[in-house]
């Protein structure tokens, strides 16, 4: 059973930075594609970024491209989301997710089998 645990959320001012971490256990971490999603109050959960098993390929939503960077350390079973130039509209609960296979459907929630409990990110204006 895969278990994912996010950390690193918090309160930050506009323009600031945060680094989220997601630690995995109960699985060979390098056999899973990893993704980050977020859900703002009253909104649906949305795709943020994804990274392939070997970290060779990454994709981002248009809203975070150029500001966020996803990375992973398979030896530490951890995926990261470095968030720079944060905006109030980035305020949300951020979730990491894992899937053995996502193919071209990496933006879809249903493509991911395992989810963390989420970490709150609040950006003040």
N, C-alpha and C. Protein backbone atom coordinates (compact mmCIF):
# COMPACT_ATOMS: atom_id res chain seq x y z
N UNK A 1 0.84 -1.18 0.00
CA UNK A 1 0.00 0.00 0.00
C UNK A 1 0.89 1.24 0.00
N UNK A 2 0.62 2.13 -0.97
CA UNK A 2 1.39 3.36 -1.07
C UNK A 2 0.85 4.38 -0.08
N UNK A 3 1.75 5.01 0.63
CA UNK A 3 1.37 6.10 1.52
C UNK A 3 2.17 7.33 1.15
N UNK A 4 1.47 8.46 1.04
CA UNK A 4 2.10 9.72 0.67
C UNK A 4 1.83 10.75 1.75
N UNK A 5 2.83 11.53 2.09
CA UNK A 5 2.68 12.54 3.14
C UNK A 5 3.32 13.84 2.68
N UNK A 6 2.50 14.88 2.52
CA UNK A 6 2.99 16.19 2.12
C UNK A 6 3.42 17.00 3.33
N UNK A 7 4.34 17.91 3.10
CA UNK A 7 4.76 18.86 4.12
C UNK A 7 5.30 20.10 3.43
N UNK A 8 5.48 21.15 4.21
CA UNK A 8 6.10 22.36 3.69
C UNK A 8 5.14 23.50 3.41
N UNK A 9 3.86 23.26 3.58
CA UNK A 9 2.91 24.34 3.36
C UNK A 9 3.02 25.40 4.44
N UNK A 10 2.30 26.52 4.22
CA UNK A 10 2.32 27.59 5.20
C UNK A 10 1.77 28.88 4.64
N UNK A 11 2.02 29.95 5.38
CA UNK A 11 1.57 31.29 4.99
C UNK A 11 2.76 32.07 4.45
N UNK A 12 2.59 32.68 3.30
CA UNK A 12 3.67 33.44 2.68
C UNK A 12 3.07 34.66 2.01
N UNK A 13 3.86 35.71 1.89
CA UNK A 13 3.39 36.92 1.22
C UNK A 13 3.51 36.79 -0.30
N UNK A 14 2.76 37.61 -1.01
CA UNK A 14 2.85 37.65 -2.47
C UNK A 14 4.30 37.88 -2.89
N UNK A 15 4.72 37.08 -3.86
CA UNK A 15 6.10 37.17 -4.33
C UNK A 15 7.06 36.25 -3.62
N UNK A 16 6.60 35.63 -2.55
CA UNK A 16 7.46 34.75 -1.77
C UNK A 16 7.57 33.36 -2.37
N UNK A 17 8.28 32.50 -1.64
CA UNK A 17 8.54 31.14 -2.11
C UNK A 17 8.24 30.12 -1.01
N UNK A 18 7.88 28.94 -1.44
CA UNK A 18 7.71 27.79 -0.57
C UNK A 18 8.19 26.56 -1.31
N UNK A 19 8.63 25.57 -0.55
CA UNK A 19 9.01 24.29 -1.13
C UNK A 19 8.20 23.19 -0.45
N UNK A 20 7.37 22.55 -1.22
CA UNK A 20 6.59 21.43 -0.71
C UNK A 20 7.35 20.13 -0.92
N UNK A 21 7.18 19.22 0.01
CA UNK A 21 7.75 17.89 -0.11
C UNK A 21 6.65 16.86 0.03
N UNK A 22 6.85 15.73 -0.62
CA UNK A 22 5.91 14.61 -0.50
C UNK A 22 6.74 13.34 -0.36
N UNK A 23 6.66 12.74 0.81
CA UNK A 23 7.42 11.53 1.08
C UNK A 23 6.54 10.30 0.85
N UNK A 24 7.08 9.34 0.13
CA UNK A 24 6.34 8.12 -0.15
C UNK A 24 6.89 6.95 0.65
N UNK A 25 6.02 6.01 0.97
CA UNK A 25 6.44 4.80 1.67
C UNK A 25 5.56 3.63 1.22
N UNK A 26 6.07 2.45 1.46
CA UNK A 26 5.31 1.25 1.13
C UNK A 26 5.38 0.84 -0.31
N UNK A 27 6.34 1.42 -1.05
CA UNK A 27 6.42 1.14 -2.48
C UNK A 27 7.81 1.49 -2.97
N UNK A 28 8.18 0.91 -4.10
CA UNK A 28 9.41 1.34 -4.77
C UNK A 28 9.09 2.64 -5.48
N UNK A 29 9.55 3.74 -4.91
CA UNK A 29 9.12 5.07 -5.31
C UNK A 29 9.38 5.33 -6.79
N UNK A 30 10.51 4.83 -7.27
CA UNK A 30 10.91 5.11 -8.65
C UNK A 30 10.05 4.43 -9.70
N UNK A 31 9.11 3.62 -9.30
CA UNK A 31 8.21 2.96 -10.26
C UNK A 31 6.91 3.73 -10.46
N UNK A 32 6.82 4.92 -9.85
CA UNK A 32 5.59 5.71 -9.93
C UNK A 32 5.83 7.08 -10.55
N UNK A 33 4.94 7.45 -11.45
CA UNK A 33 4.83 8.84 -11.86
C UNK A 33 4.25 9.62 -10.68
N UNK A 34 4.71 10.84 -10.51
CA UNK A 34 4.24 11.64 -9.40
C UNK A 34 3.65 12.95 -9.91
N UNK A 35 2.61 13.39 -9.22
CA UNK A 35 1.98 14.64 -9.62
C UNK A 35 1.63 15.50 -8.42
N UNK A 36 1.47 16.79 -8.68
CA UNK A 36 0.95 17.72 -7.69
C UNK A 36 -0.36 18.30 -8.22
N UNK A 37 -1.34 18.36 -7.36
CA UNK A 37 -2.62 18.97 -7.66
C UNK A 37 -2.93 19.97 -6.55
N UNK A 38 -3.91 20.83 -6.78
CA UNK A 38 -4.32 21.76 -5.73
C UNK A 38 -5.82 21.99 -5.80
N UNK A 39 -6.37 22.37 -4.66
CA UNK A 39 -7.79 22.64 -4.59
C UNK A 39 -8.02 23.87 -3.73
N UNK A 40 -8.56 24.90 -4.36
CA UNK A 40 -8.89 26.13 -3.66
C UNK A 40 -10.32 26.03 -3.12
N UNK A 41 -10.65 26.81 -2.11
CA UNK A 41 -12.00 26.76 -1.54
C UNK A 41 -13.06 27.01 -2.60
N UNK A 42 -14.05 26.13 -2.65
CA UNK A 42 -15.14 26.28 -3.59
C UNK A 42 -14.83 25.92 -5.01
N UNK A 43 -13.63 25.40 -5.26
CA UNK A 43 -13.22 25.05 -6.62
C UNK A 43 -12.87 23.57 -6.72
N UNK A 44 -12.83 23.09 -7.94
CA UNK A 44 -12.45 21.70 -8.16
C UNK A 44 -10.93 21.54 -8.03
N UNK A 45 -10.54 20.32 -7.73
CA UNK A 45 -9.12 20.03 -7.69
C UNK A 45 -8.54 20.13 -9.10
N UNK A 46 -7.38 20.75 -9.21
CA UNK A 46 -6.77 20.97 -10.52
C UNK A 46 -5.32 20.53 -10.57
N UNK A 47 -4.91 20.16 -11.76
CA UNK A 47 -3.54 19.72 -12.00
C UNK A 47 -2.57 20.89 -11.87
N UNK A 48 -1.40 20.62 -11.28
CA UNK A 48 -0.36 21.62 -11.15
C UNK A 48 0.89 21.20 -11.93
N UNK A 49 1.39 20.00 -11.64
CA UNK A 49 2.63 19.55 -12.28
C UNK A 49 2.75 18.04 -12.15
N UNK A 50 3.53 17.46 -13.05
CA UNK A 50 3.80 16.04 -12.96
C UNK A 50 5.23 15.75 -13.38
N UNK A 51 5.77 14.63 -12.91
CA UNK A 51 7.13 14.25 -13.24
C UNK A 51 7.17 12.75 -13.48
N UNK A 52 7.92 12.35 -14.49
CA UNK A 52 8.00 10.94 -14.83
C UNK A 52 8.86 10.18 -13.81
N UNK A 53 8.86 8.86 -13.96
CA UNK A 53 9.54 8.00 -12.98
C UNK A 53 11.01 8.33 -12.84
N UNK A 54 11.66 8.62 -13.96
CA UNK A 54 13.09 8.89 -13.94
C UNK A 54 13.41 10.37 -13.85
N UNK A 55 12.38 11.20 -13.79
CA UNK A 55 12.51 12.66 -13.75
C UNK A 55 12.92 13.24 -15.10
N UNK A 56 12.87 12.44 -16.14
CA UNK A 56 13.27 12.92 -17.46
C UNK A 56 12.25 13.88 -18.06
N UNK A 57 10.99 13.75 -17.65
CA UNK A 57 9.92 14.53 -18.26
C UNK A 57 9.08 15.20 -17.18
N UNK A 58 8.80 16.48 -17.40
CA UNK A 58 7.92 17.22 -16.50
C UNK A 58 6.90 18.00 -17.32
N UNK A 59 5.74 18.20 -16.74
CA UNK A 59 4.70 19.02 -17.35
C UNK A 59 4.11 19.91 -16.27
N UNK A 60 3.66 21.09 -16.70
CA UNK A 60 3.10 22.06 -15.77
C UNK A 60 1.80 22.63 -16.33
N UNK A 61 0.95 23.08 -15.44
CA UNK A 61 -0.21 23.83 -15.89
C UNK A 61 0.25 25.21 -16.34
N UNK A 62 -0.52 25.81 -17.20
CA UNK A 62 -0.13 27.13 -17.71
C UNK A 62 -0.05 28.16 -16.60
N UNK A 63 -0.86 27.99 -15.57
CA UNK A 63 -0.91 28.98 -14.49
C UNK A 63 0.33 29.00 -13.62
N UNK A 64 1.12 27.93 -13.63
CA UNK A 64 2.30 27.88 -12.77
C UNK A 64 3.60 27.77 -13.56
N UNK A 65 3.50 27.58 -14.86
CA UNK A 65 4.69 27.40 -15.69
C UNK A 65 5.62 28.61 -15.57
N UNK A 66 6.89 28.33 -15.33
CA UNK A 66 7.86 29.39 -15.16
C UNK A 66 8.03 29.86 -13.73
N UNK A 67 7.11 29.47 -12.85
CA UNK A 67 7.19 29.86 -11.43
C UNK A 67 7.41 28.65 -10.52
N UNK A 68 6.85 27.52 -10.88
CA UNK A 68 6.96 26.30 -10.07
C UNK A 68 7.89 25.31 -10.76
N UNK A 69 8.57 24.51 -9.93
CA UNK A 69 9.44 23.45 -10.45
C UNK A 69 9.19 22.17 -9.67
N UNK A 70 8.89 21.11 -10.39
CA UNK A 70 8.73 19.80 -9.76
C UNK A 70 10.02 19.01 -9.93
N UNK A 71 10.39 18.29 -8.89
CA UNK A 71 11.59 17.46 -8.95
C UNK A 71 11.38 16.26 -8.03
N UNK A 72 12.29 15.30 -8.12
CA UNK A 72 12.16 14.12 -7.28
C UNK A 72 13.53 13.56 -6.94
N UNK A 73 13.58 12.87 -5.83
CA UNK A 73 14.77 12.16 -5.39
C UNK A 73 14.31 10.75 -5.05
N UNK A 74 14.51 9.84 -5.97
CA UNK A 74 14.00 8.47 -5.76
C UNK A 74 14.74 7.77 -4.62
N UNK A 75 15.97 8.12 -4.38
CA UNK A 75 16.71 7.51 -3.27
C UNK A 75 16.09 7.89 -1.93
N UNK A 76 15.47 9.07 -1.89
CA UNK A 76 14.81 9.52 -0.67
C UNK A 76 13.30 9.32 -0.72
N UNK A 77 12.81 8.74 -1.82
CA UNK A 77 11.36 8.51 -1.99
C UNK A 77 10.57 9.79 -1.77
N UNK A 78 11.04 10.86 -2.37
CA UNK A 78 10.44 12.17 -2.14
C UNK A 78 10.31 12.94 -3.45
N UNK A 79 9.18 13.61 -3.61
CA UNK A 79 8.96 14.52 -4.72
C UNK A 79 8.78 15.92 -4.13
N UNK A 80 9.26 16.92 -4.87
CA UNK A 80 9.24 18.29 -4.38
C UNK A 80 8.47 19.19 -5.34
N UNK A 81 7.98 20.27 -4.80
CA UNK A 81 7.41 21.33 -5.62
C UNK A 81 7.95 22.65 -5.11
N UNK A 82 8.88 23.22 -5.86
CA UNK A 82 9.43 24.53 -5.52
C UNK A 82 8.52 25.58 -6.13
N UNK A 83 7.99 26.45 -5.30
CA UNK A 83 7.03 27.46 -5.74
C UNK A 83 7.62 28.84 -5.51
N UNK A 84 7.85 29.56 -6.57
CA UNK A 84 8.40 30.91 -6.51
C UNK A 84 7.39 31.92 -7.05
N UNK A 85 7.62 33.18 -6.74
CA UNK A 85 6.75 34.26 -7.22
C UNK A 85 5.28 33.95 -6.95
N UNK A 86 5.01 33.56 -5.73
CA UNK A 86 3.66 33.13 -5.38
C UNK A 86 2.66 34.28 -5.45
N UNK A 87 1.45 33.93 -5.83
CA UNK A 87 0.36 34.88 -5.98
C UNK A 87 -0.80 34.47 -5.09
N UNK A 88 -1.66 35.40 -4.73
CA UNK A 88 -2.83 35.03 -3.91
C UNK A 88 -3.66 33.91 -4.54
N UNK A 89 -3.73 33.87 -5.85
CA UNK A 89 -4.51 32.83 -6.52
C UNK A 89 -3.86 31.45 -6.43
N UNK A 90 -2.66 31.38 -5.88
CA UNK A 90 -2.03 30.06 -5.64
C UNK A 90 -2.50 29.46 -4.31
N UNK A 91 -3.27 30.22 -3.55
CA UNK A 91 -3.78 29.73 -2.27
C UNK A 91 -4.68 28.51 -2.49
N UNK A 92 -4.34 27.41 -1.82
CA UNK A 92 -5.07 26.16 -2.00
C UNK A 92 -4.48 25.10 -1.08
N UNK A 93 -5.17 23.99 -0.99
CA UNK A 93 -4.58 22.79 -0.41
C UNK A 93 -3.88 22.05 -1.55
N UNK A 94 -2.62 21.72 -1.33
CA UNK A 94 -1.82 21.06 -2.35
C UNK A 94 -1.68 19.57 -2.00
N UNK A 95 -1.94 18.74 -3.01
CA UNK A 95 -1.90 17.30 -2.84
C UNK A 95 -0.86 16.69 -3.77
N UNK A 96 -0.14 15.70 -3.28
CA UNK A 96 0.68 14.91 -4.18
C UNK A 96 -0.04 13.62 -4.50
N UNK A 97 0.28 13.06 -5.65
CA UNK A 97 -0.41 11.87 -6.12
C UNK A 97 0.58 10.98 -6.86
N UNK A 98 0.28 9.70 -6.88
CA UNK A 98 1.17 8.73 -7.52
C UNK A 98 0.39 7.78 -8.41
N UNK A 99 1.05 7.39 -9.49
CA UNK A 99 0.43 6.43 -10.40
C UNK A 99 1.52 5.63 -11.10
N UNK A 100 1.28 4.33 -11.29
CA UNK A 100 2.27 3.53 -12.01
C UNK A 100 2.29 3.85 -13.51
N UNK A 101 1.20 4.43 -14.01
CA UNK A 101 1.11 4.73 -15.43
C UNK A 101 0.10 5.84 -15.65
N UNK A 102 0.52 6.96 -16.27
CA UNK A 102 -0.43 8.03 -16.56
C UNK A 102 -0.57 8.28 -18.05
N UNK A 103 0.46 7.96 -18.84
CA UNK A 103 0.40 8.19 -20.27
C UNK A 103 0.12 9.65 -20.58
N UNK A 104 -0.71 9.90 -21.60
CA UNK A 104 -1.02 11.29 -21.98
C UNK A 104 -2.04 11.95 -21.07
N UNK A 105 -2.59 11.21 -20.13
CA UNK A 105 -3.68 11.74 -19.29
C UNK A 105 -3.17 12.20 -17.94
N UNK A 106 -2.03 12.83 -17.93
CA UNK A 106 -1.37 13.19 -16.67
C UNK A 106 -2.09 14.30 -15.94
N UNK A 107 -3.00 15.02 -16.62
CA UNK A 107 -3.73 16.09 -15.96
C UNK A 107 -4.99 15.59 -15.25
N UNK A 108 -5.34 14.36 -15.50
CA UNK A 108 -6.60 13.84 -14.97
C UNK A 108 -6.43 13.29 -13.56
N UNK A 109 -7.33 13.67 -12.67
CA UNK A 109 -7.32 13.16 -11.30
C UNK A 109 -7.43 11.65 -11.30
N UNK A 110 -8.27 11.12 -12.16
CA UNK A 110 -8.53 9.68 -12.21
C UNK A 110 -7.31 8.87 -12.65
N UNK A 111 -6.30 9.53 -13.19
CA UNK A 111 -5.10 8.81 -13.63
C UNK A 111 -4.20 8.42 -12.47
N UNK A 112 -4.45 8.98 -11.30
CA UNK A 112 -3.59 8.75 -10.14
C UNK A 112 -4.29 7.87 -9.11
N UNK A 113 -3.57 6.87 -8.65
CA UNK A 113 -4.15 5.87 -7.77
C UNK A 113 -4.05 6.22 -6.29
N UNK A 114 -3.02 6.97 -5.94
CA UNK A 114 -2.73 7.21 -4.53
C UNK A 114 -2.57 8.71 -4.30
N UNK A 115 -3.06 9.16 -3.13
CA UNK A 115 -3.06 10.57 -2.80
C UNK A 115 -2.60 10.80 -1.38
N UNK A 116 -1.95 11.93 -1.17
CA UNK A 116 -1.62 12.35 0.18
C UNK A 116 -2.80 13.07 0.81
N UNK A 117 -2.59 13.52 2.05
CA UNK A 117 -3.67 14.17 2.80
C UNK A 117 -3.75 15.67 2.51
N UNK A 118 -2.74 16.21 1.87
CA UNK A 118 -2.75 17.62 1.50
C UNK A 118 -2.04 18.51 2.50
N UNK A 119 -1.53 19.64 1.99
CA UNK A 119 -0.90 20.64 2.83
C UNK A 119 -1.39 22.01 2.37
N UNK A 120 -1.72 22.87 3.32
CA UNK A 120 -2.31 24.17 3.01
C UNK A 120 -1.23 25.18 2.65
N UNK A 121 -1.45 25.87 1.55
CA UNK A 121 -0.61 27.00 1.14
C UNK A 121 -1.49 28.23 1.07
N UNK A 122 -1.10 29.26 1.80
CA UNK A 122 -1.85 30.51 1.80
C UNK A 122 -0.92 31.64 1.43
N UNK A 123 -1.31 32.39 0.39
CA UNK A 123 -0.51 33.52 -0.08
C UNK A 123 -1.29 34.79 0.21
N UNK A 124 -0.72 35.64 1.04
CA UNK A 124 -1.39 36.88 1.42
C UNK A 124 -1.00 38.01 0.47
N UNK A 125 -1.95 38.89 0.25
CA UNK A 125 -1.70 40.01 -0.68
C UNK A 125 -1.18 41.23 0.07
